[in-house]
Amino acid sequence: MRWTATGAAALVLSLWAAARAQTTPTSALAPDGGAPPALEDGGLVARPFSATPDGGVASFGPPRGAASTEIQRRNGVDYVGTGRITTAPSDAGADNGTANDRGPQQASDSDDLRRRIASLEQRVAAANDQRAELDRLNAQISQLREEIAQIESQRSAAQQQVQEQAVESRARTQQAVSMLYSAQQALTNGNGDVAGTLSSVSASLPPIAQRELAAAQEALGAGDLYGARSHVAAAIAASQR
């Protein structure tokens, strides 16, 4: 009888606790004793009590035949309910807000890249202009160098020609002087037939020597062999200076 009374009392207590748990605004599922966590559809979670057969303390558990309770976490909030829990509308709104905030930033980055591209294009254009100017200056320098080389070549050729002419002139002068020595020796021997020799060598001698030979020709015309020989000697001396 004592066990039956105790079991009956425990059963009554369990039924009373279950009824109170279903009707009370608070639940043990809420850590702070307040309202239980909200479901997606705005309802509240209530987990029924069940009593043990031996009259022990009641425990929580899903009712027989009901779906199991699931707890999922979204953005720092625990959602309690049955079945699959989808993302709350607030999450979608937060994502849209993030996308809207990201839009102006992406536009600003795009404008900054366009400005950098424009700056680089300006630098490339300036570099191309400088390269074109440099090529033009190099072409002018090459042309001037070619002109200098041509002038120096002409000068060298002229100098060589002058030197060759000087050598030829000295050679002709030396040959003329040799012929004057022969004419002088003929006049010394009394042979006055040297007028042709004096005429042929006159162009190869300096102007002073040419004047002396002209005087010798006049002396020969006058029959003055001594005077002719003296002018021939003076022409030889003037040619060897």
C-alpha atoms as a PDB file:
ATOM      1  CA  MET A   1       0.000   0.000   0.000  1.00  0.00           C
ATOM      2  CA  ARG A   2       2.846   2.357   0.770  1.00  0.00           C
ATOM      3  CA  TRP A   3       4.424   1.788  -2.664  1.00  0.00           C
ATOM      4  CA  THR A   4       1.062   2.248  -4.355  1.00  0.00           C
ATOM      5  CA  ALA A   5       0.446   5.542  -2.603  1.00  0.00           C
ATOM      6  CA  THR A   6       3.917   6.764  -3.424  1.00  0.00           C
ATOM      7  CA  GLY A   7       3.568   5.777  -7.046  1.00  0.00           C
ATOM      8  CA  ALA A   8       0.205   7.471  -7.267  1.00  0.00           C
ATOM      9  CA  ALA A   9       1.598  10.626  -5.748  1.00  0.00           C
ATOM     10  CA  ALA A  10       4.511  10.610  -8.158  1.00  0.00           C
ATOM     11  CA  LEU A  11       2.159  10.095 -11.071  1.00  0.00           C
ATOM     12  CA  VAL A  12      -0.039  13.001 -10.013  1.00  0.00           C
ATOM     13  CA  LEU A  13       3.028  15.187  -9.520  1.00  0.00           C
ATOM     14  CA  SER A  14       4.345  14.276 -12.965  1.00  0.00           C
ATOM     15  CA  LEU A  15       1.017  15.024 -14.630  1.00  0.00           C
ATOM     16  CA  TRP A  16       0.813  18.362 -12.824  1.00  0.00           C
ATOM     17  CA  ALA A  17       4.383  19.260 -13.868  1.00  0.00           C
ATOM     18  CA  ALA A  18       3.683  18.287 -17.474  1.00  0.00           C
ATOM     19  CA  ALA A  19       0.549  20.414 -17.583  1.00  0.00           C
ATOM     20  CA  ARG A  20       2.375  23.329 -16.027  1.00  0.00           C
ATOM     21  CA  ALA A  21       5.255  22.995 -18.510  1.00  0.00           C
ATOM     22  CA  GLN A  22       2.874  23.138 -21.456  1.00  0.00           C
ATOM     23  CA  THR A  23       1.066  26.240 -20.204  1.00  0.00           C
ATOM     24  CA  THR A  24       3.835  28.251 -18.495  1.00  0.00           C
ATOM     25  CA  PRO A  25       5.371  31.195 -20.453  1.00  0.00           C
ATOM     26  CA  THR A  26       8.862  30.104 -19.428  1.00  0.00           C
ATOM     27  CA  SER A  27      10.764  26.914 -20.173  1.00  0.00           C
ATOM     28  CA  ALA A  28      13.936  25.201 -19.116  1.00  0.00           C
ATOM     29  CA  LEU A  29      15.108  25.470 -22.727  1.00  0.00           C
ATOM     30  CA  ALA A  30      15.780  29.171 -22.187  1.00  0.00           C
ATOM     31  CA  PRO A  31      19.087  29.647 -20.261  1.00  0.00           C
ATOM     32  CA  ASP A  32      17.942  32.880 -18.635  1.00  0.00           C
ATOM     33  CA  GLY A  33      14.511  31.639 -17.618  1.00  0.00           C
ATOM     34  CA  GLY A  34      12.784  33.831 -20.193  1.00  0.00           C
ATOM     35  CA  ALA A  35      10.879  32.889 -23.272  1.00  0.00           C
ATOM     36  CA  PRO A  36      12.209  29.904 -25.200  1.00  0.00           C
ATOM     37  CA  PRO A  37      14.032  30.477 -28.508  1.00  0.00           C
ATOM     38  CA  ALA A  38      11.852  31.403 -31.481  1.00  0.00           C
ATOM     39  CA  LEU A  39      11.302  29.125 -34.433  1.00  0.00           C
ATOM     40  CA  GLU A  40      11.315  30.209 -38.087  1.00  0.00           C
ATOM     41  CA  ASP A  41       7.520  30.510 -38.084  1.00  0.00           C
ATOM     42  CA  GLY A  42       7.513  32.682 -34.948  1.00  0.00           C
ATOM     43  CA  GLY A  43       6.303  29.925 -32.568  1.00  0.00           C
ATOM     44  CA  LEU A  44       7.839  28.891 -29.247  1.00  0.00           C
ATOM     45  CA  VAL A  45       9.492  25.593 -28.385  1.00  0.00           C
ATOM     46  CA  ALA A  46       7.887  23.531 -25.632  1.00  0.00           C
ATOM     47  CA  ARG A  47       9.274  20.147 -24.778  1.00  0.00           C
ATOM     48  CA  PRO A  48       6.855  17.933 -22.753  1.00  0.00           C
ATOM     49  CA  PHE A  49       7.739  16.165 -19.507  1.00  0.00           C
ATOM     50  CA  SER A  50       7.436  12.409 -19.034  1.00  0.00           C
ATOM     51  CA  ALA A  51       7.422  10.646 -15.726  1.00  0.00           C
ATOM     52  CA  THR A  52       9.456   7.531 -14.937  1.00  0.00           C
ATOM     53  CA  PRO A  53       7.572   4.378 -14.099  1.00  0.00           C
ATOM     54  CA  ASP A  54       9.212   4.171 -10.665  1.00  0.00           C
ATOM     55  CA  GLY A  55       8.056   7.620  -9.665  1.00  0.00           C
ATOM     56  CA  GLY A  56      11.469   9.272 -10.104  1.00  0.00           C
ATOM     57  CA  VAL A  57      12.219  12.809 -11.305  1.00  0.00           C
ATOM     58  CA  ALA A  58      10.625  13.751 -14.639  1.00  0.00           C
ATOM     59  CA  SER A  59      12.932  14.084 -17.653  1.00  0.00           C
ATOM     60  CA  PHE A  60      12.671  15.997 -20.908  1.00  0.00           C
ATOM     61  CA  GLY A  61      12.206  14.196 -24.180  1.00  0.00           C
ATOM     62  CA  PRO A  62      10.232  14.375 -27.389  1.00  0.00           C
ATOM     63  CA  PRO A  63       6.648  13.144 -27.214  1.00  0.00           C
ATOM     64  CA  ARG A  64       5.896   9.776 -28.674  1.00  0.00           C
ATOM     65  CA  GLY A  65       5.236   9.961 -32.380  1.00  0.00           C
ATOM     66  CA  ALA A  66       6.493  13.592 -32.645  1.00  0.00           C
ATOM     67  CA  ALA A  67       9.476  14.782 -34.683  1.00  0.00           C
ATOM     68  CA  SER A  68      12.771  15.253 -32.872  1.00  0.00           C
ATOM     69  CA  THR A  69      13.788  18.736 -31.799  1.00  0.00           C
ATOM     70  CA  GLU A  70      16.778  20.231 -33.686  1.00  0.00           C
ATOM     71  CA  ILE A  71      18.973  23.163 -32.742  1.00  0.00           C
ATOM     72  CA  GLN A  72      20.922  25.008 -35.456  1.00  0.00           C
ATOM     73  CA  ARG A  73      23.080  28.139 -35.206  1.00  0.00           C
ATOM     74  CA  ARG A  74      22.803  31.003 -37.729  1.00  0.00           C
ATOM     75  CA  ASN A  75      24.824  34.251 -37.353  1.00  0.00           C
ATOM     76  CA  GLY A  76      25.313  33.766 -33.607  1.00  0.00           C
ATOM     77  CA  VAL A  77      21.605  32.896 -32.938  1.00  0.00           C
ATOM     78  CA  ASP A  78      20.370  29.401 -31.919  1.00  0.00           C
ATOM     79  CA  TYR A  79      17.181  28.327 -33.748  1.00  0.00           C
ATOM     80  CA  VAL A  80      15.209  25.478 -32.126  1.00  0.00           C
ATOM     81  CA  GLY A  81      12.516  23.528 -33.967  1.00  0.00           C
ATOM     82  CA  THR A  82      11.768  20.425 -35.937  1.00  0.00           C
ATOM     83  CA  GLY A  83      12.684  19.633 -39.508  1.00  0.00           C
ATOM     84  CA  ARG A  84      15.153  21.578 -41.655  1.00  0.00           C
ATOM     85  CA  ILE A  85      15.821  25.144 -40.541  1.00  0.00           C
ATOM     86  CA  THR A  86      16.421  27.536 -43.420  1.00  0.00           C
ATOM     87  CA  THR A  87      18.202  30.871 -43.367  1.00  0.00           C
ATOM     88  CA  ALA A  88      16.154  33.583 -41.726  1.00  0.00           C
ATOM     89  CA  PRO A  89      15.046  36.568 -43.820  1.00  0.00           C
ATOM     90  CA  SER A  90      17.292  38.745 -41.688  1.00  0.00           C
ATOM     91  CA  ASP A  91      20.327  36.830 -43.027  1.00  0.00           C
ATOM     92  CA  ALA A  92      19.310  37.544 -46.618  1.00  0.00           C
ATOM     93  CA  GLY A  93      18.828  41.180 -45.739  1.00  0.00           C
ATOM     94  CA  ALA A  94      22.278  41.261 -44.185  1.00  0.00           C
ATOM     95  CA  ASP A  95      23.773  39.694 -47.302  1.00  0.00           C
ATOM     96  CA  ASN A  96      22.007  42.235 -49.503  1.00  0.00           C
ATOM     97  CA  GLY A  97      23.298  45.024 -47.308  1.00  0.00           C
ATOM     98  CA  THR A  98      26.830  43.691 -47.585  1.00  0.00           C
ATOM     99  CA  ALA A  99      26.504  43.466 -51.367  1.00  0.00           C
ATOM    100  CA  ASN A 100      25.148  47.025 -51.498  1.00  0.00           C
ATOM    101  CA  ASP A 101      28.037  48.246 -49.351  1.00  0.00           C
ATOM    102  CA  ARG A 102      30.498  46.393 -51.575  1.00  0.00           C
ATOM    103  CA  GLY A 103      29.084  47.935 -54.776  1.00  0.00           C
ATOM    104  CA  PRO A 104      30.365  51.529 -54.232  1.00  0.00           C
ATOM    105  CA  GLN A 105      33.729  50.181 -53.098  1.00  0.00           C
ATOM    106  CA  GLN A 106      34.105  48.116 -56.293  1.00  0.00           C
ATOM    107  CA  ALA A 107      33.122  51.134 -58.394  1.00  0.00           C
ATOM    108  CA  SER A 108      35.747  53.227 -56.590  1.00  0.00           C
ATOM    109  CA  ASP A 109      38.403  50.565 -57.194  1.00  0.00           C
ATOM    110  CA  SER A 110      37.439  50.443 -60.889  1.00  0.00           C
ATOM    111  CA  ASP A 111      37.765  54.238 -61.198  1.00  0.00           C
ATOM    112  CA  ASP A 112      41.168  54.118 -59.493  1.00  0.00           C
ATOM    113  CA  LEU A 113      42.367  51.449 -61.937  1.00  0.00           C
ATOM    114  CA  ARG A 114      41.139  53.524 -64.887  1.00  0.00           C
ATOM    115  CA  ARG A 115      43.077  56.543 -63.576  1.00  0.00           C
ATOM    116  CA  ARG A 116      46.220  54.435 -63.211  1.00  0.00           C
ATOM    117  CA  ILE A 117      45.801  53.080 -66.754  1.00  0.00           C
ATOM    118  CA  ALA A 118      45.361  56.617 -68.124  1.00  0.00           C
ATOM    119  CA  SER A 119      48.497  57.773 -66.260  1.00  0.00           C
ATOM    120  CA  LEU A 120      50.519  54.861 -67.626  1.00  0.00           C
ATOM    121  CA  GLU A 121      49.272  55.530 -71.147  1.00  0.00           C
ATOM    122  CA  GLN A 122      50.378  59.166 -70.838  1.00  0.00           C
ATOM    123  CA  ARG A 123      53.819  58.060 -69.681  1.00  0.00           C
ATOM    124  CA  VAL A 124      54.075  55.608 -72.573  1.00  0.00           C
ATOM    125  CA  ALA A 125      53.093  58.336 -75.042  1.00  0.00           C
ATOM    126  CA  ALA A 126      55.700  60.694 -73.558  1.00  0.00           C
ATOM    127  CA  ALA A 127      58.324  57.953 -73.743  1.00  0.00           C
ATOM    128  CA  ASN A 128      57.425  57.313 -77.391  1.00  0.00           C
ATOM    129  CA  ASP A 129      57.761  61.028 -78.171  1.00  0.00           C
ATOM    130  CA  GLN A 130      61.152  61.132 -76.473  1.00  0.00           C
ATOM    131  CA  ARG A 131      62.235  58.029 -78.377  1.00  0.00           C
ATOM    132  CA  ALA A 132      61.164  59.599 -81.683  1.00  0.00           C
ATOM    133  CA  GLU A 133      63.057  62.807 -80.850  1.00  0.00           C
ATOM    134  CA  LEU A 134      66.095  60.761 -79.861  1.00  0.00           C
ATOM    135  CA  ASP A 135      65.972  58.851 -83.137  1.00  0.00           C
ATOM    136  CA  ARG A 136      65.759  62.128 -85.068  1.00  0.00           C
ATOM    137  CA  LEU A 137      68.773  63.565 -83.219  1.00  0.00           C
ATOM    138  CA  ASN A 138      70.751  60.362 -83.783  1.00  0.00           C
ATOM    139  CA  ALA A 139      69.960  60.585 -87.504  1.00  0.00           C
ATOM    140  CA  GLN A 140      71.224  64.188 -87.600  1.00  0.00           C
ATOM    141  CA  ILE A 141      74.382  63.200 -85.744  1.00  0.00           C
ATOM    142  CA  SER A 142      75.004  60.357 -88.195  1.00  0.00           C
ATOM    143  CA  GLN A 143      74.521  62.719 -91.146  1.00  0.00           C
ATOM    144  CA  LEU A 144      76.912  65.294 -89.671  1.00  0.00           C
ATOM    145  CA  ARG A 145      79.493  62.610 -89.046  1.00  0.00           C
ATOM    146  CA  GLU A 146      79.214  61.469 -92.652  1.00  0.00           C
ATOM    147  CA  GLU A 147      79.702  65.066 -93.826  1.00  0.00           C
ATOM    148  CA  ILE A 148      82.735  65.463 -91.542  1.00  0.00           C
ATOM    149  CA  ALA A 149      84.188  62.206 -92.828  1.00  0.00           C
ATOM    150  CA  GLN A 150      83.636  63.357 -96.417  1.00  0.00           C
ATOM    151  CA  ILE A 151      85.269  66.742 -95.739  1.00  0.00           C
ATOM    152  CA  GLU A 152      88.238  65.103 -94.055  1.00  0.00           C
ATOM    153  CA  SER A 153      88.539  62.656 -96.930  1.00  0.00           C
ATOM    154  CA  GLN A 154      88.516  65.501 -99.455  1.00  0.00           C
ATOM    155  CA  ARG A 155      91.052  67.438 -97.388  1.00  0.00           C
ATOM    156  CA  SER A 156      93.297  64.422 -97.140  1.00  0.00           C
ATOM    157  CA  ALA A 157      93.028  63.867-100.888  1.00  0.00           C
ATOM    158  CA  ALA A 158      93.816  67.528-101.534  1.00  0.00           C
ATOM    159  CA  GLN A 159      96.815  67.424 -99.225  1.00  0.00           C
ATOM    160  CA  GLN A 160      98.048  64.283-100.883  1.00  0.00           C
ATOM    161  CA  GLN A 161      97.590  65.880-104.266  1.00  0.00           C
ATOM    162  CA  VAL A 162      99.512  68.952-103.139  1.00  0.00           C
ATOM    163  CA  GLN A 163     102.285  66.788-101.815  1.00  0.00           C
ATOM    164  CA  GLU A 164     102.413  64.818-105.048  1.00  0.00           C
ATOM    165  CA  GLN A 165     102.458  68.021-107.057  1.00  0.00           C
ATOM    166  CA  ALA A 166     105.212  69.389-104.833  1.00  0.00           C
ATOM    167  CA  VAL A 167     107.239  66.231-105.369  1.00  0.00           C
ATOM    168  CA  GLU A 168     106.651  66.417-109.104  1.00  0.00           C
ATOM    169  CA  SER A 169     107.520  70.122-109.108  1.00  0.00           C
ATOM    170  CA  ARG A 170     110.740  69.503-107.260  1.00  0.00           C
ATOM    171  CA  ALA A 171     111.538  66.705-109.626  1.00  0.00           C
ATOM    172  CA  ARG A 172     110.912  68.944-112.657  1.00  0.00           C
ATOM    173  CA  THR A 173     112.866  71.767-111.042  1.00  0.00           C
ATOM    174  CA  GLN A 174     115.761  69.462-110.325  1.00  0.00           C
ATOM    175  CA  GLN A 175     115.665  68.235-113.905  1.00  0.00           C
ATOM    176  CA  ALA A 176     115.563  71.837-115.193  1.00  0.00           C
ATOM    177  CA  VAL A 177     118.467  72.817-112.979  1.00  0.00           C
ATOM    178  CA  SER A 178     120.453  69.888-114.346  1.00  0.00           C
ATOM    179  CA  MET A 179     119.745  71.124-117.885  1.00  0.00           C
ATOM    180  CA  LEU A 180     120.797  74.671-116.863  1.00  0.00           C
ATOM    181  CA  TYR A 181     124.091  73.294-115.590  1.00  0.00           C
ATOM    182  CA  SER A 182     124.620  71.757-119.017  1.00  0.00           C
ATOM    183  CA  ALA A 183     123.758  75.094-120.748  1.00  0.00           C
ATOM    184  CA  GLN A 184     126.112  76.977-118.410  1.00  0.00           C
ATOM    185  CA  GLN A 185     128.914  74.558-119.247  1.00  0.00           C
ATOM    186  CA  ALA A 186     128.221  75.054-122.982  1.00  0.00           C
ATOM    187  CA  LEU A 187     128.366  78.854-122.608  1.00  0.00           C
ATOM    188  CA  THR A 188     131.600  78.498-120.671  1.00  0.00           C
ATOM    189  CA  ASN A 189     133.009  76.520-123.581  1.00  0.00           C
ATOM    190  CA  GLY A 190     131.867  79.280-126.011  1.00  0.00           C
ATOM    191  CA  ASN A 191     128.849  77.412-127.342  1.00  0.00           C
ATOM    192  CA  GLY A 192     125.915  79.787-127.505  1.00  0.00           C
ATOM    193  CA  ASP A 193     123.420  77.298-128.923  1.00  0.00           C
ATOM    194  CA  VAL A 194     121.476  76.969-125.649  1.00  0.00           C
ATOM    195  CA  ALA A 195     118.448  79.158-126.359  1.00  0.00           C
ATOM    196  CA  GLY A 196     116.173  76.101-126.918  1.00  0.00           C
ATOM    197  CA  THR A 197     117.260  74.533-123.661  1.00  0.00           C
ATOM    198  CA  LEU A 198     116.594  77.719-121.733  1.00  0.00           C
ATOM    199  CA  SER A 199     113.109  78.003-123.236  1.00  0.00           C
ATOM    200  CA  SER A 200     112.134  74.370-122.432  1.00  0.00           C
ATOM    201  CA  VAL A 201     113.086  74.503-118.745  1.00  0.00           C
ATOM    202  CA  SER A 202     111.744  77.976-117.964  1.00  0.00           C
ATOM    203  CA  ALA A 203     108.205  76.775-117.026  1.00  0.00           C
ATOM    204  CA  SER A 204     109.590  74.367-114.436  1.00  0.00           C
ATOM    205  CA  LEU A 205     111.467  77.066-112.528  1.00  0.00           C
ATOM    206  CA  PRO A 206     110.311  79.659-110.001  1.00  0.00           C
ATOM    207  CA  PRO A 207     109.353  83.145-111.313  1.00  0.00           C
ATOM    208  CA  ILE A 208     112.712  84.667-110.331  1.00  0.00           C
ATOM    209  CA  ALA A 209     114.578  81.971-112.244  1.00  0.00           C
ATOM    210  CA  GLN A 210     112.273  82.531-115.220  1.00  0.00           C
ATOM    211  CA  ARG A 211     113.175  86.246-115.275  1.00  0.00           C
ATOM    212  CA  GLU A 212     116.903  85.392-115.184  1.00  0.00           C
ATOM    213  CA  LEU A 213     116.479  83.036-118.137  1.00  0.00           C
ATOM    214  CA  ALA A 214     114.635  85.744-120.080  1.00  0.00           C
ATOM    215  CA  ALA A 215     117.618  88.034-119.494  1.00  0.00           C
ATOM    216  CA  ALA A 216     119.961  85.255-120.626  1.00  0.00           C
ATOM    217  CA  GLN A 217     117.954  84.955-123.845  1.00  0.00           C
ATOM    218  CA  GLU A 218     118.416  88.672-124.518  1.00  0.00           C
ATOM    219  CA  ALA A 219     122.148  88.359-123.880  1.00  0.00           C
ATOM    220  CA  LEU A 220     122.344  85.487-126.327  1.00  0.00           C
ATOM    221  CA  GLY A 221     120.532  87.580-128.887  1.00  0.00           C
ATOM    222  CA  ALA A 222     123.128  90.298-128.422  1.00  0.00           C
ATOM    223  CA  GLY A 223     125.986  87.748-128.690  1.00  0.00           C
ATOM    224  CA  ASP A 224     126.972  88.279-125.082  1.00  0.00           C
ATOM    225  CA  LEU A 225     127.840  84.747-123.971  1.00  0.00           C
ATOM    226  CA  TYR A 226     129.359  85.925-120.700  1.00  0.00           C
ATOM    227  CA  GLY A 227     126.220  87.854-119.767  1.00  0.00           C
ATOM    228  CA  ALA A 228     124.073  84.920-120.805  1.00  0.00           C
ATOM    229  CA  ARG A 229     126.145  82.583-118.615  1.00  0.00           C
ATOM    230  CA  SER A 230     125.813  84.970-115.658  1.00  0.00           C
ATOM    231  CA  HIS A 231     122.007  85.043-115.920  1.00  0.00           C
ATOM    232  CA  VAL A 232     121.902  81.247-116.222  1.00  0.00           C
ATOM    233  CA  ALA A 233     123.962  80.953-113.015  1.00  0.00           C
ATOM    234  CA  ALA A 234     121.526  83.327-111.267  1.00  0.00           C
ATOM    235  CA  ALA A 235     118.562  81.220-112.470  1.00  0.00           C
ATOM    236  CA  ILE A 236     120.209  78.073-111.043  1.00  0.00           C
ATOM    237  CA  ALA A 237     120.742  79.736-107.694  1.00  0.00           C
ATOM    238  CA  ALA A 238     117.133  80.987-107.544  1.00  0.00           C
ATOM    239  CA  SER A 239     115.803  77.511-108.355  1.00  0.00           C
ATOM    240  CA  GLN A 240     117.728  75.872-105.504  1.00  0.00           C
ATOM    241  CA  ARG A 241     116.540  78.191-102.720  1.00  0.00           C
END
